[in-house]
Amino acid sequence: MWRKKQSQYSLEEWLRALPRQQCDYYQNDEGLVTLQVPRARNPLLRKVIALFNPNPYIKIKLDEKGSFIWLRCDGRTSIAQICQELEQEFGESVKPSRERTVKFIKQLYRYRLVSLYIGSSTDESFAQ
């Protein structure tokens, strides 16, 4: 009855994509990343939320692999390159790295935490 919407891009297209961070973050002393995601994107709604909750951000703590991937989402490094670096850093514990990394980037993309550049080198549009 209810079906998941299928991705319009193949695995190979996702691997060529260039992810770019779209929210603030900070690193702790151990190198783990915590994302700071606004509770609301609408300025009016932000003010209403601020009346009831003094913290306007949701904090999302990433593990070591998620932090490793997040720090490489710079808009210049492809997902395939991130997968190679991930395998070099963590070895067999991340296999199958391509599928796992693409799934993680898809989640970040769905919640608008990253934007993706998908296309040829002459195409300069980012998927928003």
N, C-alpha and C. Protein backbone atom coordinates (compact mmCIF):
# COMPACT_ATOMS: atom_id res chain seq x y z
N MET A 1 0.81 -1.18 0.00
CA MET A 1 0.00 0.00 0.00
C MET A 1 0.87 1.26 0.00
N TRP A 2 1.68 1.44 1.05
CA TRP A 2 2.58 2.59 1.11
C TRP A 2 3.95 2.12 0.67
N ARG A 3 4.45 2.75 -0.34
CA ARG A 3 5.76 2.35 -0.86
C ARG A 3 6.76 3.46 -0.62
N LYS A 4 8.00 3.03 -0.39
CA LYS A 4 9.07 4.00 -0.28
C LYS A 4 9.36 4.59 -1.64
N LYS A 5 9.64 5.86 -1.67
CA LYS A 5 10.01 6.51 -2.92
C LYS A 5 11.42 6.05 -3.31
N GLN A 6 11.54 5.54 -4.50
CA GLN A 6 12.84 5.06 -4.98
C GLN A 6 13.73 6.24 -5.37
N SER A 7 15.01 6.10 -5.12
CA SER A 7 15.96 7.14 -5.47
C SER A 7 16.03 7.27 -6.99
N GLN A 8 16.13 8.50 -7.45
CA GLN A 8 16.21 8.72 -8.88
C GLN A 8 17.63 8.55 -9.40
N TYR A 9 18.58 8.34 -8.51
CA TYR A 9 19.98 8.19 -8.91
C TYR A 9 20.46 6.77 -8.61
N SER A 10 21.32 6.24 -9.47
CA SER A 10 21.90 4.92 -9.26
C SER A 10 23.05 5.03 -8.26
N LEU A 11 23.53 3.87 -7.80
CA LEU A 11 24.64 3.85 -6.85
C LEU A 11 25.86 4.54 -7.44
N GLU A 12 26.12 4.32 -8.73
CA GLU A 12 27.29 4.93 -9.37
C GLU A 12 27.16 6.45 -9.42
N GLU A 13 25.95 6.96 -9.65
CA GLU A 13 25.75 8.41 -9.65
C GLU A 13 25.95 8.98 -8.25
N TRP A 14 25.48 8.26 -7.25
CA TRP A 14 25.69 8.71 -5.87
C TRP A 14 27.19 8.75 -5.55
N LEU A 15 27.93 7.76 -6.03
CA LEU A 15 29.37 7.71 -5.74
C LEU A 15 30.12 8.86 -6.41
N ARG A 16 29.60 9.39 -7.51
CA ARG A 16 30.23 10.54 -8.17
C ARG A 16 29.83 11.87 -7.52
N ALA A 17 28.79 11.85 -6.70
CA ALA A 17 28.27 13.08 -6.10
C ALA A 17 29.28 13.70 -5.13
N LEU A 18 29.20 15.02 -5.02
CA LEU A 18 30.06 15.78 -4.12
C LEU A 18 29.20 16.38 -3.01
N PRO A 19 29.24 15.80 -1.80
CA PRO A 19 28.42 16.34 -0.71
C PRO A 19 29.06 17.58 -0.08
N ARG A 20 28.20 18.51 0.35
CA ARG A 20 28.67 19.74 1.00
C ARG A 20 27.83 19.98 2.26
N GLN A 21 28.49 20.27 3.36
CA GLN A 21 27.81 20.50 4.64
C GLN A 21 26.88 21.70 4.57
N GLN A 22 25.72 21.58 5.25
CA GLN A 22 24.74 22.65 5.24
C GLN A 22 24.30 23.07 6.65
N CYS A 23 24.99 22.61 7.68
CA CYS A 23 24.64 23.03 9.04
C CYS A 23 25.93 23.18 9.85
N ASP A 24 25.80 23.85 10.98
CA ASP A 24 26.95 24.07 11.86
C ASP A 24 27.27 22.79 12.61
N TYR A 25 28.51 22.69 13.06
CA TYR A 25 28.95 21.54 13.84
C TYR A 25 30.13 21.95 14.70
N TYR A 26 30.45 21.10 15.66
CA TYR A 26 31.68 21.28 16.42
C TYR A 26 32.26 19.90 16.74
N GLN A 27 33.57 19.89 17.00
CA GLN A 27 34.27 18.66 17.32
C GLN A 27 34.69 18.68 18.77
N ASN A 28 34.61 17.51 19.43
CA ASN A 28 35.12 17.43 20.79
C ASN A 28 36.60 17.05 20.76
N ASP A 29 37.19 16.86 21.93
CA ASP A 29 38.63 16.57 22.02
C ASP A 29 39.00 15.24 21.36
N GLU A 30 38.05 14.32 21.29
CA GLU A 30 38.31 13.01 20.68
C GLU A 30 38.12 13.02 19.17
N GLY A 31 37.71 14.15 18.61
CA GLY A 31 37.51 14.26 17.17
C GLY A 31 36.12 13.89 16.71
N LEU A 32 35.21 13.59 17.64
CA LEU A 32 33.84 13.26 17.26
C LEU A 32 33.04 14.53 17.00
N VAL A 33 32.18 14.48 16.01
CA VAL A 33 31.43 15.65 15.56
C VAL A 33 30.03 15.64 16.16
N THR A 34 29.57 16.82 16.55
CA THR A 34 28.18 17.04 16.96
C THR A 34 27.59 18.08 16.02
N LEU A 35 26.51 17.71 15.33
CA LEU A 35 25.84 18.62 14.42
C LEU A 35 24.85 19.48 15.20
N GLN A 36 24.75 20.74 14.81
CA GLN A 36 23.78 21.65 15.40
C GLN A 36 22.75 21.98 14.33
N VAL A 37 21.58 21.37 14.45
CA VAL A 37 20.53 21.52 13.45
C VAL A 37 19.46 22.46 14.01
N PRO A 38 19.09 23.51 13.27
CA PRO A 38 18.03 24.40 13.76
C PRO A 38 16.72 23.64 13.94
N ARG A 39 16.02 23.93 15.03
CA ARG A 39 14.72 23.29 15.28
C ARG A 39 13.71 23.69 14.21
N ALA A 40 13.85 24.88 13.66
CA ALA A 40 12.94 25.35 12.61
C ALA A 40 13.73 26.20 11.63
N ARG A 41 13.36 26.12 10.37
CA ARG A 41 14.03 26.92 9.35
C ARG A 41 13.33 28.25 9.12
N ASN A 42 12.05 28.30 9.41
CA ASN A 42 11.26 29.51 9.25
C ASN A 42 11.57 30.49 10.39
N PRO A 43 11.95 31.75 10.08
CA PRO A 43 12.32 32.71 11.14
C PRO A 43 11.20 32.98 12.15
N LEU A 44 9.97 33.03 11.69
CA LEU A 44 8.85 33.27 12.60
C LEU A 44 8.66 32.08 13.55
N LEU A 45 8.75 30.90 13.00
CA LEU A 45 8.61 29.69 13.81
C LEU A 45 9.76 29.58 14.81
N ARG A 46 10.94 30.02 14.43
CA ARG A 46 12.08 30.03 15.36
C ARG A 46 11.78 30.86 16.60
N LYS A 47 11.16 32.02 16.39
CA LYS A 47 10.83 32.90 17.51
C LYS A 47 9.79 32.27 18.43
N VAL A 48 8.82 31.61 17.84
CA VAL A 48 7.79 30.94 18.65
C VAL A 48 8.42 29.81 19.46
N ILE A 49 9.27 29.02 18.83
CA ILE A 49 9.92 27.92 19.53
C ILE A 49 10.82 28.45 20.64
N ALA A 50 11.47 29.58 20.41
CA ALA A 50 12.37 30.16 21.41
C ALA A 50 11.62 30.54 22.69
N LEU A 51 10.34 30.83 22.59
CA LEU A 51 9.55 31.15 23.78
C LEU A 51 9.41 29.94 24.70
N PHE A 52 9.35 28.76 24.13
CA PHE A 52 9.12 27.54 24.91
C PHE A 52 10.40 26.73 25.14
N ASN A 53 11.36 26.90 24.30
CA ASN A 53 12.60 26.14 24.41
C ASN A 53 13.77 27.09 24.16
N PRO A 54 14.59 27.35 25.17
CA PRO A 54 15.66 28.33 25.00
C PRO A 54 16.76 27.89 24.03
N ASN A 55 16.88 26.59 23.77
CA ASN A 55 17.91 26.11 22.85
C ASN A 55 17.31 25.97 21.45
N PRO A 56 17.71 26.81 20.50
CA PRO A 56 17.12 26.76 19.16
C PRO A 56 17.66 25.64 18.28
N TYR A 57 18.57 24.81 18.81
CA TYR A 57 19.20 23.77 18.00
C TYR A 57 18.95 22.38 18.57
N ILE A 58 18.89 21.43 17.67
CA ILE A 58 18.90 20.01 18.04
C ILE A 58 20.34 19.56 17.84
N LYS A 59 20.88 18.82 18.79
CA LYS A 59 22.26 18.34 18.67
C LYS A 59 22.25 16.87 18.29
N ILE A 60 22.99 16.54 17.25
CA ILE A 60 23.10 15.17 16.76
C ILE A 60 24.56 14.75 16.89
N LYS A 61 24.81 13.77 17.74
CA LYS A 61 26.18 13.30 17.95
C LYS A 61 26.48 12.17 16.97
N LEU A 62 27.58 12.29 16.26
CA LEU A 62 28.00 11.27 15.30
C LEU A 62 29.07 10.38 15.91
N ASP A 63 29.09 9.12 15.51
CA ASP A 63 30.15 8.22 15.96
C ASP A 63 31.42 8.50 15.15
N GLU A 64 32.46 7.70 15.36
CA GLU A 64 33.74 7.99 14.70
C GLU A 64 33.67 7.86 13.19
N LYS A 65 32.90 6.91 12.68
CA LYS A 65 32.79 6.75 11.23
C LYS A 65 31.94 7.87 10.63
N GLY A 66 30.85 8.22 11.30
CA GLY A 66 30.01 9.33 10.83
C GLY A 66 30.77 10.64 10.85
N SER A 67 31.58 10.85 11.90
CA SER A 67 32.39 12.07 12.00
C SER A 67 33.42 12.12 10.87
N PHE A 68 34.02 10.97 10.59
CA PHE A 68 35.01 10.88 9.52
C PHE A 68 34.39 11.28 8.18
N ILE A 69 33.19 10.76 7.91
CA ILE A 69 32.50 11.08 6.65
C ILE A 69 32.10 12.55 6.63
N TRP A 70 31.53 13.06 7.74
CA TRP A 70 31.05 14.44 7.80
C TRP A 70 32.18 15.43 7.50
N LEU A 71 33.34 15.20 8.06
CA LEU A 71 34.46 16.13 7.88
C LEU A 71 34.95 16.17 6.44
N ARG A 72 34.62 15.17 5.65
CA ARG A 72 35.03 15.14 4.24
C ARG A 72 33.94 15.63 3.30
N CYS A 73 32.80 16.02 3.83
CA CYS A 73 31.72 16.58 3.01
C CYS A 73 32.00 18.06 2.78
N ASP A 74 32.94 18.35 1.90
CA ASP A 74 33.42 19.72 1.69
C ASP A 74 33.02 20.28 0.32
N GLY A 75 32.31 19.51 -0.48
CA GLY A 75 31.92 19.97 -1.81
C GLY A 75 32.99 19.73 -2.86
N ARG A 76 34.13 19.17 -2.47
CA ARG A 76 35.21 18.88 -3.41
C ARG A 76 35.55 17.39 -3.46
N THR A 77 35.18 16.65 -2.43
CA THR A 77 35.51 15.24 -2.32
C THR A 77 34.29 14.40 -2.69
N SER A 78 34.45 13.49 -3.66
CA SER A 78 33.32 12.66 -4.07
C SER A 78 33.06 11.59 -3.01
N ILE A 79 31.86 11.02 -3.06
CA ILE A 79 31.52 9.96 -2.12
C ILE A 79 32.42 8.75 -2.34
N ALA A 80 32.80 8.47 -3.58
CA ALA A 80 33.71 7.36 -3.87
C ALA A 80 35.07 7.57 -3.19
N GLN A 81 35.58 8.81 -3.22
CA GLN A 81 36.85 9.11 -2.55
C GLN A 81 36.70 8.97 -1.04
N ILE A 82 35.56 9.41 -0.51
CA ILE A 82 35.30 9.27 0.93
C ILE A 82 35.31 7.79 1.31
N CYS A 83 34.70 6.94 0.46
CA CYS A 83 34.68 5.49 0.73
C CYS A 83 36.08 4.91 0.76
N GLN A 84 36.93 5.33 -0.18
CA GLN A 84 38.31 4.83 -0.20
C GLN A 84 39.06 5.23 1.06
N GLU A 85 38.92 6.49 1.47
CA GLU A 85 39.59 6.96 2.67
C GLU A 85 39.04 6.25 3.91
N LEU A 86 37.74 5.99 3.92
CA LEU A 86 37.10 5.30 5.04
C LEU A 86 37.65 3.88 5.17
N GLU A 87 37.81 3.18 4.04
CA GLU A 87 38.37 1.82 4.07
C GLU A 87 39.83 1.83 4.53
N GLN A 88 40.59 2.84 4.11
CA GLN A 88 41.99 2.93 4.54
C GLN A 88 42.08 3.19 6.04
N GLU A 89 41.17 4.00 6.56
CA GLU A 89 41.20 4.37 7.98
C GLU A 89 40.68 3.26 8.89
N PHE A 90 39.56 2.62 8.50
CA PHE A 90 38.89 1.68 9.39
C PHE A 90 38.99 0.22 8.95
N GLY A 91 39.49 -0.03 7.75
CA GLY A 91 39.69 -1.40 7.29
C GLY A 91 38.40 -2.18 7.06
N GLU A 92 38.42 -3.44 7.47
CA GLU A 92 37.31 -4.36 7.21
C GLU A 92 36.04 -4.03 7.99
N SER A 93 36.14 -3.24 9.04
CA SER A 93 34.97 -2.97 9.88
C SER A 93 33.90 -2.13 9.19
N VAL A 94 34.22 -1.53 8.05
CA VAL A 94 33.24 -0.70 7.34
C VAL A 94 32.74 -1.33 6.05
N LYS A 95 33.12 -2.56 5.78
CA LYS A 95 32.67 -3.22 4.54
C LYS A 95 31.20 -3.56 4.66
N PRO A 96 30.38 -3.41 3.66
CA PRO A 96 30.61 -2.79 2.37
C PRO A 96 30.53 -1.27 2.49
N SER A 97 31.64 -0.61 2.34
CA SER A 97 31.72 0.83 2.61
C SER A 97 30.91 1.67 1.62
N ARG A 98 30.86 1.26 0.38
CA ARG A 98 30.15 2.07 -0.62
C ARG A 98 28.67 2.18 -0.27
N GLU A 99 28.03 1.05 -0.03
CA GLU A 99 26.60 1.05 0.26
C GLU A 99 26.30 1.76 1.58
N ARG A 100 27.14 1.51 2.60
CA ARG A 100 26.91 2.12 3.91
C ARG A 100 27.10 3.63 3.86
N THR A 101 28.13 4.07 3.15
CA THR A 101 28.39 5.51 3.05
C THR A 101 27.30 6.21 2.26
N VAL A 102 26.87 5.62 1.16
CA VAL A 102 25.80 6.22 0.36
C VAL A 102 24.52 6.30 1.19
N LYS A 103 24.21 5.27 1.96
CA LYS A 103 23.01 5.29 2.79
C LYS A 103 23.09 6.42 3.83
N PHE A 104 24.26 6.60 4.44
CA PHE A 104 24.45 7.67 5.43
C PHE A 104 24.30 9.04 4.77
N ILE A 105 24.92 9.23 3.61
CA ILE A 105 24.82 10.51 2.90
C ILE A 105 23.37 10.77 2.48
N LYS A 106 22.65 9.73 2.06
CA LYS A 106 21.24 9.89 1.70
C LYS A 106 20.42 10.39 2.89
N GLN A 107 20.72 9.87 4.08
CA GLN A 107 20.01 10.33 5.28
C GLN A 107 20.33 11.79 5.57
N LEU A 108 21.58 12.16 5.45
CA LEU A 108 21.97 13.56 5.66
C LEU A 108 21.28 14.45 4.63
N TYR A 109 21.21 13.99 3.40
CA TYR A 109 20.58 14.75 2.32
C TYR A 109 19.08 14.90 2.55
N ARG A 110 18.44 13.83 2.99
CA ARG A 110 16.99 13.87 3.22
C ARG A 110 16.62 14.90 4.29
N TYR A 111 17.47 15.05 5.31
CA TYR A 111 17.20 16.03 6.37
C TYR A 111 17.87 17.38 6.12
N ARG A 112 18.34 17.58 4.89
CA ARG A 112 18.95 18.84 4.45
C ARG A 112 20.18 19.24 5.26
N LEU A 113 20.94 18.25 5.68
CA LEU A 113 22.18 18.53 6.40
C LEU A 113 23.36 18.64 5.44
N VAL A 114 23.19 18.09 4.23
CA VAL A 114 24.17 18.26 3.16
C VAL A 114 23.42 18.58 1.87
N SER A 115 24.12 19.27 0.97
CA SER A 115 23.62 19.42 -0.40
C SER A 115 24.54 18.58 -1.27
N LEU A 116 24.06 18.19 -2.43
CA LEU A 116 24.82 17.30 -3.30
C LEU A 116 24.99 17.92 -4.67
N TYR A 117 26.20 17.84 -5.17
CA TYR A 117 26.48 18.19 -6.56
C TYR A 117 26.51 16.88 -7.31
N ILE A 118 25.53 16.70 -8.21
CA ILE A 118 25.43 15.47 -8.98
C ILE A 118 25.40 15.86 -10.45
N GLY A 119 26.33 15.36 -11.21
CA GLY A 119 26.32 15.66 -12.64
C GLY A 119 27.71 15.66 -13.22
N SER A 120 27.80 16.14 -14.45
CA SER A 120 29.09 16.21 -15.12
C SER A 120 29.87 17.41 -14.62
N SER A 121 31.12 17.50 -15.01
CA SER A 121 31.98 18.59 -14.53
C SER A 121 31.55 19.94 -15.08
N THR A 122 30.76 19.96 -16.16
CA THR A 122 30.31 21.24 -16.71
C THR A 122 29.01 21.71 -16.08
N ASP A 123 28.29 20.79 -15.45
CA ASP A 123 27.02 21.13 -14.80
C ASP A 123 27.31 21.66 -13.41
N GLU A 124 26.81 22.85 -13.08
CA GLU A 124 27.15 23.45 -11.80
C GLU A 124 25.96 23.58 -10.87
N SER A 125 24.96 22.75 -11.03
CA SER A 125 23.79 22.84 -10.15
C SER A 125 23.94 21.88 -8.98
N PHE A 126 23.54 22.34 -7.82
CA PHE A 126 23.52 21.49 -6.64
C PHE A 126 22.10 21.02 -6.42
N ALA A 127 21.97 19.77 -6.05
CA ALA A 127 20.65 19.26 -5.66
C ALA A 127 20.37 19.81 -4.26
N GLN A 128 19.25 20.44 -4.10
CA GLN A 128 18.92 21.04 -2.80
C GLN A 128 17.83 20.28 -2.10
